[in-house]
C-alpha cells in the first residue's frame, strides 16, 4: 500500500520528481529502475543524492531477512519436535 507525502519538497529534476511520484503511488520497482537510470546517466549532484536516497528508502532491511531466518529455524525446530514426539 502506498504511503503518500514522502516525496522531498524540492525534487532536483523532472525525472527525479517522476521517480518519487512512482514510489509514492506504490510502484517501487519502477521507481527503483528510474533512479538507477538517473544514476547511470551522470546526474547532477542533487539528482545523484536524491536517487541514492530513493534507492536507500526502497530497499529491504537486512535485519528483516535475519528475523525471517530465525523464524524459519524456529518453525522447523517445532515441526521436528512435534514429529518426533508422535
Protein backbone atom coordinates (compact mmCIF):
# COMPACT_ATOMS: atom_id res chain seq x y z
CA UNK A 1 0.00 0.00 0.00
CA UNK A 2 1.36 3.38 -0.97
CA UNK A 3 2.31 5.91 1.67
CA UNK A 4 1.83 9.43 0.44
CA UNK A 5 3.70 12.56 1.39
CA UNK A 6 7.23 11.14 1.40
CA UNK A 7 8.48 12.98 -1.66
CA UNK A 8 11.07 15.66 -0.87
CA UNK A 9 9.74 19.19 -1.06
CA UNK A 10 12.03 20.09 -3.96
CA UNK A 11 12.88 17.21 -6.30
CA UNK A 12 16.03 18.10 -8.19
CA UNK A 13 14.71 17.46 -11.71
CA UNK A 14 11.54 16.40 -13.52
CA UNK A 15 12.95 12.86 -13.90
CA UNK A 16 13.60 12.67 -10.16
CA UNK A 17 10.15 14.07 -9.45
CA UNK A 18 8.65 11.34 -11.65
CA UNK A 19 10.65 8.69 -9.78
CA UNK A 20 9.44 9.95 -6.39
CA UNK A 21 5.88 10.09 -7.71
CA UNK A 22 6.15 6.45 -8.82
CA UNK A 23 7.37 5.46 -5.36
CA UNK A 24 4.59 7.40 -3.63
CA UNK A 25 1.97 5.77 -5.85
CA UNK A 26 3.23 2.33 -4.81
CA UNK A 27 5.23 1.33 -7.89
CA UNK A 28 8.52 0.84 -6.06
CA UNK A 29 10.08 -1.36 -8.74
CA UNK A 30 9.59 1.25 -11.45
CA UNK A 31 10.83 3.98 -9.10
CA UNK A 32 13.99 1.96 -8.37
CA UNK A 33 14.58 1.38 -12.09
CA UNK A 34 14.15 5.08 -12.81
CA UNK A 35 16.56 6.02 -10.00
CA UNK A 36 19.11 3.52 -11.34
CA UNK A 37 18.73 5.00 -14.84
CA UNK A 38 19.23 8.50 -13.42
CA UNK A 39 22.41 7.37 -11.65
CA UNK A 40 23.70 5.74 -14.85
CA UNK A 41 23.27 8.98 -16.85
CA UNK A 42 25.92 11.02 -14.99
CA UNK A 43 23.42 13.12 -12.95
CA UNK A 44 23.84 16.42 -11.18
CA UNK A 45 24.89 16.19 -7.52
CA UNK A 46 21.33 16.91 -6.37
CA UNK A 47 19.86 14.23 -8.62
CA UNK A 48 22.52 11.78 -7.52
CA UNK A 49 21.81 12.40 -3.83
CA UNK A 50 18.06 12.06 -4.30
CA UNK A 51 18.36 8.94 -6.45
CA UNK A 52 20.58 7.31 -3.83
CA UNK A 53 18.09 8.32 -1.13
CA UNK A 54 15.20 6.82 -3.11
CA UNK A 55 17.15 3.57 -3.54
CA UNK A 56 18.01 3.52 0.17
CA UNK A 57 14.39 4.06 1.19
CA UNK A 58 13.08 1.36 -1.13
CA UNK A 59 15.40 -1.50 -0.16
CA UNK A 60 14.51 -4.25 2.27
CA UNK A 61 16.41 -4.06 5.53
CA UNK A 62 18.96 -6.82 6.10
CA UNK A 63 17.72 -7.24 9.67
CA UNK A 64 14.32 -8.24 8.28
CA UNK A 65 15.94 -11.16 6.46
CA UNK A 66 17.69 -12.13 9.71
CA UNK A 67 14.40 -12.18 11.61
CA UNK A 68 12.79 -14.24 8.85
CA UNK A 69 15.63 -16.75 9.02
CA UNK A 70 15.30 -17.05 12.81
CA UNK A 71 11.52 -17.55 12.49
CA UNK A 72 12.02 -20.26 9.83
CA UNK A 73 14.55 -22.10 12.00
CA UNK A 74 12.19 -21.99 15.00
CA UNK A 75 9.32 -23.24 12.84
CA UNK A 76 11.37 -26.15 11.50
CA UNK A 77 12.54 -26.99 15.02
CA UNK A 78 8.97 -27.06 16.32
CA UNK A 79 7.82 -29.28 13.45
CA UNK A 80 10.70 -31.68 14.03
CA UNK A 81 9.97 -31.82 17.76
CA UNK A 82 6.28 -32.43 17.10
CA UNK A 83 7.04 -35.16 14.54
CA UNK A 84 9.44 -36.98 16.86
CA UNK A 85 7.01 -36.87 19.76
CA UNK A 86 4.15 -38.51 17.85
